[in-house]
């Protein structure tokens, strides 16, 4: 078998990388650069308040010492921990708003932006956003879900947990 001569002047032991492998390498480098830039931006967002307006801070949402709250009966509670710029978190906002209105007096919905309030993320041991935590009326954690959670699935989970909403 006759070997083709190398017209580019490369030595016999070297092969030119294919176009596909070059594109793959460039893509990997770009993804790494994007990940680093995202991490830098994530750190920079700590002090800014660019999140969706329906997200409350934990200090406002969870005060239990006010006289007004002492008069209210204790209700089961759904705590959603997310961030205003997280896509699945944004998808949860209208669902949580509907639940707040439709089930007022049946269970409370608390929304916490963990990018604005990082201490809440540590307090609730959050690893993924969004995270939804279901509590009974006594404040005991019943269930924890990570990721997007559809309205019907949330209502089914309350029923599975023995909380009747009708």
C-alpha atoms as a PDB file:
ATOM      1  CA  UNK A   1       0.000   0.000   0.000  1.00  0.00           C
ATOM      2  CA  UNK A   2       1.343   3.402  -0.932  1.00  0.00           C
ATOM      3  CA  UNK A   3       1.116   6.163   1.653  1.00  0.00           C
ATOM      4  CA  UNK A   4      -0.022   9.554   0.504  1.00  0.00           C
ATOM      5  CA  UNK A   5       2.642  12.146   0.846  1.00  0.00           C
ATOM      6  CA  UNK A   6       2.023  14.943   3.232  1.00  0.00           C
ATOM      7  CA  UNK A   7       1.638  18.079   1.140  1.00  0.00           C
ATOM      8  CA  UNK A   8       1.458  20.451   4.125  1.00  0.00           C
ATOM      9  CA  UNK A   9       4.997  19.722   5.246  1.00  0.00           C
ATOM     10  CA  UNK A  10       3.971  17.909   8.418  1.00  0.00           C
ATOM     11  CA  UNK A  11       6.051  14.998   9.601  1.00  0.00           C
ATOM     12  CA  UNK A  12       4.715  11.494   8.992  1.00  0.00           C
ATOM     13  CA  UNK A  13       3.741  10.781  12.635  1.00  0.00           C
ATOM     14  CA  UNK A  14       1.429  13.779  12.974  1.00  0.00           C
ATOM     15  CA  UNK A  15      -2.167  14.001  11.896  1.00  0.00           C
ATOM     16  CA  UNK A  16      -4.050  17.183  11.357  1.00  0.00           C
ATOM     17  CA  UNK A  17      -7.015  17.481  13.720  1.00  0.00           C
ATOM     18  CA  UNK A  18     -10.340  17.125  11.991  1.00  0.00           C
ATOM     19  CA  UNK A  19     -12.695  20.053  11.679  1.00  0.00           C
ATOM     20  CA  UNK A  20     -15.153  18.268  13.957  1.00  0.00           C
ATOM     21  CA  UNK A  21     -12.634  17.832  16.785  1.00  0.00           C
ATOM     22  CA  UNK A  22     -11.626  21.499  16.513  1.00  0.00           C
ATOM     23  CA  UNK A  23     -15.265  22.572  16.763  1.00  0.00           C
ATOM     24  CA  UNK A  24     -15.711  20.307  19.794  1.00  0.00           C
ATOM     25  CA  UNK A  25     -12.655  21.762  21.522  1.00  0.00           C
ATOM     26  CA  UNK A  26     -13.748  25.339  20.820  1.00  0.00           C
ATOM     27  CA  UNK A  27     -17.237  24.542  22.116  1.00  0.00           C
ATOM     28  CA  UNK A  28     -15.843  23.101  25.343  1.00  0.00           C
ATOM     29  CA  UNK A  29     -13.661  26.163  25.888  1.00  0.00           C
ATOM     30  CA  UNK A  30     -16.620  28.481  25.263  1.00  0.00           C
ATOM     31  CA  UNK A  31     -18.796  26.520  27.704  1.00  0.00           C
ATOM     32  CA  UNK A  32     -16.100  26.748  30.361  1.00  0.00           C
ATOM     33  CA  UNK A  33     -15.779  30.488  29.809  1.00  0.00           C
ATOM     34  CA  UNK A  34     -19.570  30.862  30.050  1.00  0.00           C
ATOM     35  CA  UNK A  35     -19.638  28.831  33.288  1.00  0.00           C
ATOM     36  CA  UNK A  36     -16.954  31.010  34.853  1.00  0.00           C
ATOM     37  CA  UNK A  37     -18.734  34.179  33.722  1.00  0.00           C
ATOM     38  CA  UNK A  38     -22.004  32.835  35.133  1.00  0.00           C
ATOM     39  CA  UNK A  39     -20.362  32.117  38.474  1.00  0.00           C
ATOM     40  CA  UNK A  40     -18.939  35.642  38.566  1.00  0.00           C
ATOM     41  CA  UNK A  41     -22.326  37.136  37.719  1.00  0.00           C
ATOM     42  CA  UNK A  42     -24.011  34.905  40.296  1.00  0.00           C
ATOM     43  CA  UNK A  43     -21.667  36.267  42.956  1.00  0.00           C
ATOM     44  CA  UNK A  44     -22.336  39.811  41.764  1.00  0.00           C
ATOM     45  CA  UNK A  45     -26.119  39.344  42.010  1.00  0.00           C
ATOM     46  CA  UNK A  46     -25.852  38.802  45.760  1.00  0.00           C
ATOM     47  CA  UNK A  47     -26.243  42.476  46.565  1.00  0.00           C
ATOM     48  CA  UNK A  48     -28.645  43.437  43.758  1.00  0.00           C
ATOM     49  CA  UNK A  49     -32.432  43.293  43.850  1.00  0.00           C
ATOM     50  CA  UNK A  50     -33.308  42.351  40.284  1.00  0.00           C
ATOM     51  CA  UNK A  51     -35.568  39.433  41.160  1.00  0.00           C
ATOM     52  CA  UNK A  52     -39.254  39.091  40.399  1.00  0.00           C
ATOM     53  CA  UNK A  53     -41.409  41.343  42.590  1.00  0.00           C
ATOM     54  CA  UNK A  54     -43.464  38.458  43.982  1.00  0.00           C
ATOM     55  CA  UNK A  55     -40.448  36.967  45.753  1.00  0.00           C
ATOM     56  CA  UNK A  56     -40.241  37.996  49.423  1.00  0.00           C
ATOM     57  CA  UNK A  57     -37.286  38.009  51.725  1.00  0.00           C
ATOM     58  CA  UNK A  58     -37.262  35.412  54.468  1.00  0.00           C
ATOM     59  CA  UNK A  59     -37.113  38.050  57.176  1.00  0.00           C
ATOM     60  CA  UNK A  60     -40.428  39.538  55.994  1.00  0.00           C
ATOM     61  CA  UNK A  61     -42.084  36.259  55.093  1.00  0.00           C
ATOM     62  CA  UNK A  62     -41.291  34.345  58.230  1.00  0.00           C
ATOM     63  CA  UNK A  63     -41.653  36.777  61.104  1.00  0.00           C
ATOM     64  CA  UNK A  64     -43.539  34.979  63.812  1.00  0.00           C
ATOM     65  CA  UNK A  65     -43.322  37.527  66.617  1.00  0.00           C
ATOM     66  CA  UNK A  66     -45.789  40.099  65.269  1.00  0.00           C
ATOM     67  CA  UNK A  67     -49.059  40.376  67.233  1.00  0.00           C
ATOM     68  CA  UNK A  68     -51.083  40.034  64.036  1.00  0.00           C
ATOM     69  CA  UNK A  69     -49.631  36.602  63.274  1.00  0.00           C
ATOM     70  CA  UNK A  70     -50.196  35.364  66.819  1.00  0.00           C
ATOM     71  CA  UNK A  71     -53.931  35.928  66.343  1.00  0.00           C
ATOM     72  CA  UNK A  72     -54.048  33.939  63.108  1.00  0.00           C
ATOM     73  CA  UNK A  73     -54.619  30.202  63.241  1.00  0.00           C
ATOM     74  CA  UNK A  74     -51.693  28.058  62.228  1.00  0.00           C
ATOM     75  CA  UNK A  75     -51.986  26.679  58.716  1.00  0.00           C
ATOM     76  CA  UNK A  76     -50.001  24.184  56.715  1.00  0.00           C
ATOM     77  CA  UNK A  77     -47.308  25.999  54.781  1.00  0.00           C
ATOM     78  CA  UNK A  78     -45.613  25.637  51.409  1.00  0.00           C
ATOM     79  CA  UNK A  79     -42.225  27.328  51.269  1.00  0.00           C
ATOM     80  CA  UNK A  80     -40.772  27.863  47.798  1.00  0.00           C
ATOM     81  CA  UNK A  81     -37.083  28.731  47.628  1.00  0.00           C
ATOM     82  CA  UNK A  82     -35.861  29.978  44.288  1.00  0.00           C
ATOM     83  CA  UNK A  83     -34.461  33.017  42.513  1.00  0.00           C
ATOM     84  CA  UNK A  84     -35.828  35.684  40.216  1.00  0.00           C
ATOM     85  CA  UNK A  85     -33.530  34.849  37.305  1.00  0.00           C
ATOM     86  CA  UNK A  86     -33.833  31.057  37.455  1.00  0.00           C
ATOM     87  CA  UNK A  87     -36.056  29.806  34.591  1.00  0.00           C
ATOM     88  CA  UNK A  88     -37.855  27.012  36.527  1.00  0.00           C
ATOM     89  CA  UNK A  89     -38.270  29.460  39.435  1.00  0.00           C
ATOM     90  CA  UNK A  90     -39.887  31.988  37.102  1.00  0.00           C
ATOM     91  CA  UNK A  91     -42.218  29.239  35.893  1.00  0.00           C
ATOM     92  CA  UNK A  92     -43.270  28.627  39.507  1.00  0.00           C
ATOM     93  CA  UNK A  93     -44.256  32.261  40.201  1.00  0.00           C
ATOM     94  CA  UNK A  94     -47.734  32.223  38.553  1.00  0.00           C
ATOM     95  CA  UNK A  95     -48.489  28.842  40.123  1.00  0.00           C
ATOM     96  CA  UNK A  96     -47.533  30.061  43.585  1.00  0.00           C
ATOM     97  CA  UNK A  97     -49.519  33.279  43.091  1.00  0.00           C
ATOM     98  CA  UNK A  98     -52.608  31.244  42.118  1.00  0.00           C
ATOM     99  CA  UNK A  99     -52.180  28.956  45.113  1.00  0.00           C
ATOM    100  CA  UNK A 100     -51.859  31.972  47.440  1.00  0.00           C
ATOM    101  CA  UNK A 101     -55.156  33.377  46.191  1.00  0.00           C
ATOM    102  CA  UNK A 102     -57.178  30.198  45.659  1.00  0.00           C
ATOM    103  CA  UNK A 103     -56.209  28.496  48.924  1.00  0.00           C
ATOM    104  CA  UNK A 104     -55.993  31.511  51.227  1.00  0.00           C
ATOM    105  CA  UNK A 105     -57.017  30.349  54.669  1.00  0.00           C
ATOM    106  CA  UNK A 106     -56.289  26.692  53.775  1.00  0.00           C
ATOM    107  CA  UNK A 107     -52.487  26.861  53.597  1.00  0.00           C
ATOM    108  CA  UNK A 108     -49.862  29.579  53.443  1.00  0.00           C
ATOM    109  CA  UNK A 109     -47.472  30.052  50.549  1.00  0.00           C
ATOM    110  CA  UNK A 110     -44.106  31.622  51.340  1.00  0.00           C
ATOM    111  CA  UNK A 111     -41.723  32.524  48.518  1.00  0.00           C
ATOM    112  CA  UNK A 112     -38.065  33.206  49.297  1.00  0.00           C
ATOM    113  CA  UNK A 113     -35.434  34.423  46.832  1.00  0.00           C
ATOM    114  CA  UNK A 114     -32.227  32.693  47.936  1.00  0.00           C
ATOM    115  CA  UNK A 115     -30.054  34.916  45.738  1.00  0.00           C
ATOM    116  CA  UNK A 116     -31.288  37.934  47.670  1.00  0.00           C
ATOM    117  CA  UNK A 117     -31.323  36.100  50.976  1.00  0.00           C
ATOM    118  CA  UNK A 118     -28.475  33.590  51.029  1.00  0.00           C
ATOM    119  CA  UNK A 119     -28.902  32.852  54.721  1.00  0.00           C
ATOM    120  CA  UNK A 120     -32.315  31.334  53.922  1.00  0.00           C
ATOM    121  CA  UNK A 121     -30.631  28.934  51.510  1.00  0.00           C
ATOM    122  CA  UNK A 122     -28.355  27.771  54.309  1.00  0.00           C
ATOM    123  CA  UNK A 123     -31.167  27.684  56.873  1.00  0.00           C
ATOM    124  CA  UNK A 124     -33.306  25.438  54.666  1.00  0.00           C
ATOM    125  CA  UNK A 125     -30.299  23.408  53.420  1.00  0.00           C
ATOM    126  CA  UNK A 126     -31.054  24.201  49.782  1.00  0.00           C
ATOM    127  CA  UNK A 127     -28.936  22.505  47.140  1.00  0.00           C
ATOM    128  CA  UNK A 128     -31.147  23.023  44.085  1.00  0.00           C
ATOM    129  CA  UNK A 129     -33.573  25.761  43.122  1.00  0.00           C
ATOM    130  CA  UNK A 130     -36.447  25.831  43.045  1.00  0.00           C
ATOM    131  CA  UNK A 131     -37.138  23.749  46.136  1.00  0.00           C
ATOM    132  CA  UNK A 132     -40.587  23.430  47.678  1.00  0.00           C
ATOM    133  CA  UNK A 133     -40.964  22.375  51.306  1.00  0.00           C
ATOM    134  CA  UNK A 134     -44.320  21.273  52.713  1.00  0.00           C
ATOM    135  CA  UNK A 135     -44.961  21.877  56.439  1.00  0.00           C
ATOM    136  CA  UNK A 136     -47.902  20.836  58.574  1.00  0.00           C
ATOM    137  CA  UNK A 137     -49.755  23.351  60.778  1.00  0.00           C
ATOM    138  CA  UNK A 138     -47.346  22.647  63.648  1.00  0.00           C
ATOM    139  CA  UNK A 139     -44.337  23.528  61.486  1.00  0.00           C
ATOM    140  CA  UNK A 140     -43.054  19.989  60.953  1.00  0.00           C
ATOM    141  CA  UNK A 141     -41.504  19.342  57.523  1.00  0.00           C
ATOM    142  CA  UNK A 142     -43.581  16.752  55.685  1.00  0.00           C
ATOM    143  CA  UNK A 143     -42.036  16.657  52.229  1.00  0.00           C
ATOM    144  CA  UNK A 144     -39.367  18.335  50.118  1.00  0.00           C
ATOM    145  CA  UNK A 145     -39.347  18.613  46.316  1.00  0.00           C
ATOM    146  CA  UNK A 146     -36.585  19.951  44.076  1.00  0.00           C
ATOM    147  CA  UNK A 147     -37.227  21.476  40.669  1.00  0.00           C
ATOM    148  CA  UNK A 148     -40.347  22.700  38.906  1.00  0.00           C
ATOM    149  CA  UNK A 149     -43.574  21.476  40.533  1.00  0.00           C
ATOM    150  CA  UNK A 150     -46.873  21.797  38.644  1.00  0.00           C
ATOM    151  CA  UNK A 151     -49.957  23.128  40.439  1.00  0.00           C
ATOM    152  CA  UNK A 152     -51.917  19.865  40.142  1.00  0.00           C
ATOM    153  CA  UNK A 153     -48.951  17.927  41.503  1.00  0.00           C
ATOM    154  CA  UNK A 154     -48.653  20.298  44.473  1.00  0.00           C
ATOM    155  CA  UNK A 155     -52.347  19.823  45.272  1.00  0.00           C
ATOM    156  CA  UNK A 156     -52.013  16.030  44.915  1.00  0.00           C
ATOM    157  CA  UNK A 157     -49.028  16.087  47.281  1.00  0.00           C
ATOM    158  CA  UNK A 158     -51.027  17.971  49.936  1.00  0.00           C
ATOM    159  CA  UNK A 159     -53.711  15.281  49.667  1.00  0.00           C
ATOM    160  CA  UNK A 160     -51.110  12.474  49.892  1.00  0.00           C
ATOM    161  CA  UNK A 161     -49.739  14.160  53.008  1.00  0.00           C
ATOM    162  CA  UNK A 162     -53.198  14.064  54.597  1.00  0.00           C
ATOM    163  CA  UNK A 163     -53.970  17.769  54.229  1.00  0.00           C
ATOM    164  CA  UNK A 164     -57.504  18.208  52.878  1.00  0.00           C
ATOM    165  CA  UNK A 165     -57.977  21.505  51.074  1.00  0.00           C
ATOM    166  CA  UNK A 166     -61.664  21.236  50.087  1.00  0.00           C
END
